[in-house]
Amino acid sequence: MAGASSVRLYNGDVQILDGTKVRAEILAGLKPRIANLKRPPGLAVVLVGHNPASEIYVRGKIKACGELGIFSEKLTPPESITTEELLDVIDELNHRPDIDGILVQMPLPKQVDSRRVLESIAPDKDCDGFHPVNVGHLVAGRRAPRACTPAGIMEMLKYYQIPLAGRRAVVVGRSDIVGKPMALMLLQENATVTICHSRTVDIEEECRRADILVAAIGRPGFVTRDFIAPGAIVIDVGQNRIEDRALAERFGKAAEFDKKGSALVGDVNPIDAMHCAGAYTPVPGGVGPLTIAMLMSNTVQLAEKHQAVNE
């Protein structure tokens, strides 16, 4: 592994890729589409139990619906619910004509078979883009709901007019939610794509080849300057809450830690990114705002499809 002293630094100005600006443009584009529908789009959010983080995420989704004029309904089954009982809840939502999108907030309790539940959502109500049918549409390049976070990243790259065709893209992480669909979306835009993961040999070297580096591995500050080619576009998907002050200081987050008792950091060391990258998505304020925006976009798309079928 190369030492920090052997890594060339980027001498230009680092462009900060602001997700809030991209989100505002996405949501503004949805409003006239919603106005053209015969009824408001409908989103059902299923929140099982009382996971504090999940409750915060759901609150943000419900708020976004209200601001756009999307009908939302929150269902809160008890923590003790069984897989079969939750499947019955989903089945009822699948048959409701006023519901266009169904979102099951993860994680689910241990006794629930998450895969069975997610696959029970009707593909034409899968606003998360996780159903195998919609993943298949993504692979085939067909229009369908797409996983929200990578779809939002694609919108950000488009907004900032970052060219993709012929460029080398490396995705760190192979999850079904971000890594795999991210790689497919980049490939469809004619990037040359590599996926790195925990078993990748010489991962730093692989990442240093990237013109566009997407970090989605779920480890705070994992991507350091050893991973970043001078001037690379660095997309940080990570959302990691750390409770170690020394670690927070290492990532330039000491002030936040002292104020809140913890700090939010991504999968990229932000100090290193600011020294090496040509463009960078900060945490918070980068990729985060785009996920809910794309959830809203998927819901509107599904409502439009349902209206077209019923006309």
Protein backbone atom coordinates (compact mmCIF):
# COMPACT_ATOMS: atom_id res chain seq x y z
CA MET A 1 0.00 0.00 0.00
CA ALA A 2 1.28 3.44 -0.86
CA GLY A 3 1.97 5.79 1.99
CA ALA A 4 0.31 9.20 2.20
CA SER A 5 3.56 10.90 1.30
CA SER A 6 3.72 9.02 -2.02
CA VAL A 7 0.27 10.18 -3.14
CA ARG A 8 0.19 13.11 -5.51
CA LEU A 9 -2.20 15.86 -4.48
CA TYR A 10 -4.62 17.71 -6.71
CA ASN A 11 -3.63 21.36 -7.13
CA GLY A 12 -6.92 22.68 -8.48
CA ASP A 13 -10.00 23.87 -6.62
CA VAL A 14 -12.24 21.11 -5.29
CA GLN A 15 -15.81 21.44 -6.51
CA ILE A 16 -18.37 20.66 -3.80
CA LEU A 17 -21.30 18.73 -5.24
CA ASP A 18 -24.30 20.08 -3.31
CA GLY A 19 -27.13 17.56 -3.10
CA THR A 20 -29.62 20.13 -1.80
CA LYS A 21 -29.49 22.04 -5.10
CA VAL A 22 -30.07 18.86 -7.09
CA ARG A 23 -32.92 17.83 -4.80
CA ALA A 24 -34.62 21.20 -5.27
CA GLU A 25 -34.50 20.81 -9.05
CA ILE A 26 -35.86 17.24 -8.91
CA LEU A 27 -38.77 18.21 -6.66
CA ALA A 28 -39.57 21.31 -8.72
CA GLY A 29 -39.80 19.10 -11.80
CA LEU A 30 -42.27 16.78 -10.07
CA LYS A 31 -44.83 19.47 -9.16
CA PRO A 32 -46.28 20.03 -12.67
CA ARG A 33 -46.40 16.25 -13.22
CA ILE A 34 -48.39 15.83 -10.01
CA ALA A 35 -50.73 18.65 -11.06
CA ASN A 36 -51.47 16.81 -14.32
CA LEU A 37 -52.67 13.69 -12.52
CA LYS A 38 -56.39 13.10 -11.91
CA ARG A 39 -55.71 12.28 -8.24
CA PRO A 40 -52.71 12.77 -5.95
CA PRO A 41 -50.10 10.01 -6.05
CA GLY A 42 -50.37 7.72 -3.04
CA LEU A 43 -47.46 6.38 -0.97
CA ALA A 44 -47.85 3.86 1.85
CA VAL A 45 -44.98 3.61 4.32
CA VAL A 46 -44.83 0.55 6.57
CA LEU A 47 -42.83 1.16 9.76
CA VAL A 48 -42.59 -1.88 12.03
CA GLY A 49 -41.79 -1.29 15.70
CA HIS A 50 -39.98 1.73 17.13
CA ASN A 51 -36.50 1.96 15.66
CA PRO A 52 -35.47 5.61 16.34
CA ALA A 53 -33.39 5.95 13.16
CA SER A 54 -36.17 4.45 11.04
CA GLU A 55 -38.70 6.81 12.60
CA ILE A 56 -36.54 9.80 11.61
CA TYR A 57 -36.21 8.53 8.02
CA VAL A 58 -39.94 7.92 7.72
CA ARG A 59 -40.73 11.35 9.13
CA GLY A 60 -38.61 12.90 6.37
CA LYS A 61 -40.41 10.88 3.70
CA ILE A 62 -43.86 11.82 4.99
CA LYS A 63 -42.83 15.48 5.16
CA ALA A 64 -41.61 15.43 1.55
CA CYS A 65 -44.94 13.93 0.47
CA GLY A 66 -46.87 16.70 2.21
CA GLU A 67 -44.78 19.44 0.60
CA LEU A 68 -45.38 18.01 -2.88
CA GLY A 69 -49.06 17.15 -2.55
CA ILE A 70 -48.53 13.39 -2.49
CA PHE A 71 -51.00 11.45 -0.35
CA SER A 72 -49.13 9.44 2.28
CA GLU A 73 -50.25 6.84 4.76
CA LYS A 74 -48.07 5.46 7.55
CA LEU A 75 -48.78 1.98 8.86
CA THR A 76 -47.14 1.00 12.16
CA PRO A 77 -47.47 -2.74 12.88
CA PRO A 78 -46.09 -3.93 16.24
CA GLU A 79 -42.53 -5.19 16.70
CA SER A 80 -43.95 -8.68 17.33
CA ILE A 81 -45.54 -9.02 13.87
CA THR A 82 -44.90 -12.26 12.00
CA THR A 83 -43.86 -12.63 8.38
CA GLU A 84 -47.32 -13.91 7.42
CA GLU A 85 -49.08 -11.03 9.15
CA LEU A 86 -46.86 -8.49 7.39
CA LEU A 87 -47.46 -10.21 4.06
CA ASP A 88 -51.20 -9.72 4.65
CA VAL A 89 -50.60 -5.99 5.20
CA ILE A 90 -48.67 -5.76 1.93
CA ASP A 91 -51.30 -7.76 0.06
CA GLU A 92 -54.01 -5.32 1.14
CA LEU A 93 -51.90 -2.36 -0.02
CA ASN A 94 -51.21 -4.10 -3.35
CA HIS A 95 -54.95 -4.11 -4.03
CA ARG A 96 -55.72 -0.53 -3.00
CA PRO A 97 -56.27 1.73 -6.05
CA ASP A 98 -55.31 4.89 -4.12
CA ILE A 99 -51.82 3.58 -3.32
CA ASP A 100 -49.22 3.86 -6.09
CA GLY A 101 -46.09 3.11 -4.09
CA ILE A 102 -45.36 0.86 -1.10
CA LEU A 103 -42.26 1.34 1.03
CA VAL A 104 -41.30 -1.04 3.82
CA GLN A 105 -38.80 0.72 6.07
CA MET A 106 -35.79 -1.45 6.83
CA PRO A 107 -34.53 -3.05 8.99
CA LEU A 108 -37.36 -5.38 9.95
CA PRO A 109 -37.42 -7.39 13.21
CA LYS A 110 -35.35 -10.61 13.26
CA GLN A 111 -38.36 -12.91 13.10
CA VAL A 112 -39.55 -11.38 9.81
CA ASP A 113 -38.29 -12.72 6.47
CA SER A 114 -37.29 -9.42 4.86
CA ARG A 115 -36.72 -10.91 1.41
CA ARG A 116 -40.22 -12.48 1.29
CA VAL A 117 -41.76 -9.19 2.40
CA LEU A 118 -39.92 -7.04 -0.16
CA GLU A 119 -40.67 -9.48 -2.97
CA SER A 120 -44.36 -9.52 -2.02
CA ILE A 121 -44.72 -5.86 -3.04
CA ALA A 122 -46.30 -5.64 -6.48
CA PRO A 123 -43.58 -4.61 -8.99
CA ASP A 124 -45.77 -1.71 -10.18
CA LYS A 125 -45.92 -0.41 -6.58
CA ASP A 126 -42.23 -0.94 -5.76
CA CYS A 127 -41.15 2.68 -5.23
CA ASP A 128 -37.77 1.57 -3.82
CA GLY A 129 -36.82 -0.26 -7.04
CA PHE A 130 -35.74 -3.38 -5.10
CA HIS A 131 -38.13 -5.99 -6.56
CA PRO A 132 -36.36 -8.56 -8.80
CA VAL A 133 -38.66 -7.61 -11.68
CA ASN A 134 -37.56 -3.98 -11.51
CA VAL A 135 -33.91 -4.96 -11.05
CA GLY A 136 -34.34 -6.99 -14.22
CA HIS A 137 -35.75 -3.95 -16.00
CA LEU A 138 -32.66 -2.01 -14.88
CA VAL A 139 -30.38 -4.69 -16.30
CA ALA A 140 -32.33 -4.63 -19.57
CA GLY A 141 -32.32 -0.82 -19.74
CA ARG A 142 -36.11 -0.54 -19.51
CA ARG A 143 -37.99 2.26 -17.77
CA ALA A 144 -38.98 1.21 -14.24
CA PRO A 145 -38.48 2.38 -10.65
CA ARG A 146 -34.79 2.42 -9.80
CA ALA A 147 -33.01 2.16 -6.47
CA CYS A 148 -33.28 5.66 -5.03
CA THR A 149 -29.73 6.41 -3.85
CA PRO A 150 -27.85 5.43 -7.03
CA ALA A 151 -30.58 7.02 -9.17
CA GLY A 152 -30.06 10.23 -7.20
CA ILE A 153 -26.31 10.05 -7.77
CA MET A 154 -26.93 9.78 -11.50
CA GLU A 155 -29.11 12.90 -11.31
CA MET A 156 -26.32 14.71 -9.46
CA LEU A 157 -23.73 13.78 -12.09
CA LYS A 158 -26.13 14.99 -14.77
CA TYR A 159 -26.86 18.24 -12.91
CA TYR A 160 -23.15 19.06 -12.61
CA GLN A 161 -22.55 18.01 -16.23
CA ILE A 162 -19.95 15.42 -15.31
CA PRO A 163 -19.26 13.28 -18.40
CA LEU A 164 -19.44 9.52 -17.96
CA ALA A 165 -18.94 7.97 -21.38
CA GLY A 166 -15.54 6.31 -21.66
CA ARG A 167 -14.52 7.24 -18.11
CA ARG A 168 -13.29 4.77 -15.52
CA ALA A 169 -15.70 4.39 -12.61
CA VAL A 170 -15.02 2.37 -9.47
CA VAL A 171 -17.80 1.48 -7.03
CA VAL A 172 -16.65 0.42 -3.56
CA GLY A 173 -19.37 -1.84 -2.18
CA ARG A 174 -21.63 -4.47 -3.75
CA SER A 175 -24.93 -4.14 -1.89
CA ASP A 176 -28.22 -4.71 -3.67
CA ILE A 177 -29.36 -1.26 -2.51
CA VAL A 178 -26.45 0.87 -3.77
CA GLY A 179 -23.37 -0.89 -5.14
CA LYS A 180 -24.85 -3.23 -7.74
CA PRO A 181 -27.48 -0.85 -9.17
CA MET A 182 -24.92 1.99 -9.14
CA ALA A 183 -22.58 -0.07 -11.30
CA LEU A 184 -25.39 -0.92 -13.73
CA MET A 185 -26.48 2.72 -14.06
CA LEU A 186 -22.92 3.87 -14.73
CA LEU A 187 -22.48 1.10 -17.27
CA GLN A 188 -25.62 2.21 -19.11
CA GLU A 189 -24.01 5.63 -19.49
CA ASN A 190 -20.99 3.98 -21.14
CA ALA A 191 -18.58 4.26 -18.22
CA THR A 192 -16.04 1.47 -17.75
CA VAL A 193 -17.04 0.08 -14.37
CA THR A 194 -15.19 -1.87 -11.66
CA ILE A 195 -16.83 -3.07 -8.44
CA CYS A 196 -14.57 -3.38 -5.38
CA HIS A 197 -15.48 -5.12 -2.13
CA SER A 198 -14.01 -6.69 1.00
CA ARG A 199 -12.26 -9.43 -0.99
CA THR A 200 -10.71 -7.14 -3.60
CA VAL A 201 -6.91 -7.45 -3.80
CA ASP A 202 -5.01 -4.13 -3.79
CA ILE A 203 -8.21 -2.16 -3.41
CA GLU A 204 -6.34 1.14 -3.11
CA GLU A 205 -4.69 0.58 -6.46
CA GLU A 206 -8.00 -0.32 -8.11
CA CYS A 207 -9.60 2.85 -6.74
CA ARG A 208 -6.71 5.08 -7.80
CA ARG A 209 -7.50 4.17 -11.42
CA ALA A 210 -10.92 5.78 -11.12
CA ASP A 211 -12.01 9.00 -12.77
CA ILE A 212 -15.23 8.60 -10.75
CA LEU A 213 -15.06 6.90 -7.34
CA VAL A 214 -18.27 5.93 -5.52
CA ALA A 215 -17.78 4.86 -1.89
CA ALA A 216 -20.66 2.80 -0.49
CA ILE A 217 -19.07 0.32 1.88
CA GLY A 218 -20.47 1.46 5.25
CA ARG A 219 -17.14 2.03 7.01
CA PRO A 220 -16.32 5.51 8.35
CA GLY A 221 -13.42 7.17 6.58
CA PHE A 222 -12.40 3.93 4.86
CA VAL A 223 -11.44 5.72 1.64
CA THR A 224 -8.30 7.77 2.26
CA ARG A 225 -6.01 9.73 -0.06
CA ASP A 226 -4.33 6.42 -0.97
CA PHE A 227 -7.52 5.53 -2.87
CA ILE A 228 -8.03 8.80 -4.74
CA ALA A 229 -6.44 9.79 -8.05
CA PRO A 230 -5.64 13.52 -8.26
CA GLY A 231 -8.70 15.31 -9.60
CA ALA A 232 -11.07 12.33 -9.35
CA ILE A 233 -14.81 12.78 -8.80
CA VAL A 234 -15.50 11.32 -5.34
CA ILE A 235 -19.07 10.36 -4.42
CA ASP A 236 -19.47 9.51 -0.72
CA VAL A 237 -22.62 7.48 0.00
CA GLY A 238 -21.72 6.69 3.62
CA GLN A 239 -23.77 7.80 6.63
CA ASN A 240 -21.85 6.68 9.72
CA ARG A 241 -22.47 8.01 13.23
CA ILE A 242 -19.24 7.89 15.26
CA GLU A 243 -18.92 8.33 19.03
CA ASP A 244 -15.13 8.45 19.35
CA ARG A 245 -13.74 11.97 19.64
CA ALA A 246 -10.27 11.02 18.45
CA LEU A 247 -11.80 9.57 15.30
CA ALA A 248 -13.98 12.62 14.85
CA GLU A 249 -10.93 14.86 15.14
CA ARG A 250 -9.11 12.77 12.56
CA PHE A 251 -11.96 13.44 10.12
CA GLY A 252 -12.15 17.16 10.90
CA LYS A 253 -15.37 16.73 12.85
CA ALA A 254 -14.20 17.64 16.37
CA ALA A 255 -16.44 20.72 16.62
CA GLU A 256 -19.51 18.70 15.65
CA PHE A 257 -18.58 16.00 18.15
CA ASP A 258 -18.12 18.52 20.97
CA LYS A 259 -21.52 20.02 20.23
CA LYS A 260 -23.53 16.82 19.77
CA GLY A 261 -21.53 14.08 21.47
CA SER A 262 -21.19 12.29 18.13
CA ALA A 263 -20.40 13.11 14.52
CA LEU A 264 -21.72 12.06 11.13
CA VAL A 265 -19.06 10.96 8.66
CA GLY A 266 -19.11 9.25 5.31
CA ASP A 267 -17.08 6.38 3.91
CA VAL A 268 -14.46 8.86 2.67
CA ASN A 269 -12.00 10.76 4.87
CA PRO A 270 -13.22 14.30 4.09
CA ILE A 271 -9.85 15.96 4.74
CA ASP A 272 -8.16 13.64 2.25
CA ALA A 273 -10.93 14.16 -0.29
CA MET A 274 -10.53 17.93 -0.07
CA HIS A 275 -6.80 17.55 -0.77
CA CYS A 276 -7.02 15.06 -3.62
CA ALA A 277 -10.39 15.14 -5.36
CA GLY A 278 -11.49 17.37 -8.21
CA ALA A 279 -15.10 17.19 -6.99
CA TYR A 280 -16.58 15.76 -3.80
CA THR A 281 -19.96 15.12 -2.17
CA PRO A 282 -19.82 16.19 1.49
CA VAL A 283 -21.49 14.32 4.36
CA PRO A 284 -24.00 15.58 5.22
CA GLY A 285 -25.44 17.54 2.30
CA GLY A 286 -24.18 15.51 -0.65
CA VAL A 287 -25.89 12.26 -1.61
CA GLY A 288 -28.24 12.17 1.39
CA PRO A 289 -30.81 14.74 0.19
CA LEU A 290 -31.24 12.87 -3.11
CA THR A 291 -32.57 9.57 -1.78
CA ILE A 292 -35.94 10.91 -0.66
CA ALA A 293 -36.20 13.07 -3.80
CA MET A 294 -35.86 9.97 -5.97
CA LEU A 295 -38.41 8.13 -3.81
CA MET A 296 -40.83 10.91 -4.62
CA SER A 297 -39.87 10.69 -8.30
CA ASN A 298 -40.49 6.92 -8.36
CA THR A 299 -43.88 7.37 -6.69
CA VAL A 300 -44.97 9.97 -9.25
CA GLN A 301 -43.74 7.76 -12.09
CA LEU A 302 -45.80 4.85 -10.76
CA ALA A 303 -48.89 7.07 -10.39
CA GLU A 304 -48.51 8.20 -13.99
CA LYS A 305 -48.27 4.59 -15.10
CA HIS A 306 -51.39 3.63 -13.15
CA GLN A 307 -53.34 6.54 -14.62
CA ALA A 308 -52.28 5.60 -18.16
CA VAL A 309 -53.39 1.98 -17.63
CA ASN A 310 -56.79 3.06 -16.28
CA GLU A 311 -57.59 5.58 -19.02
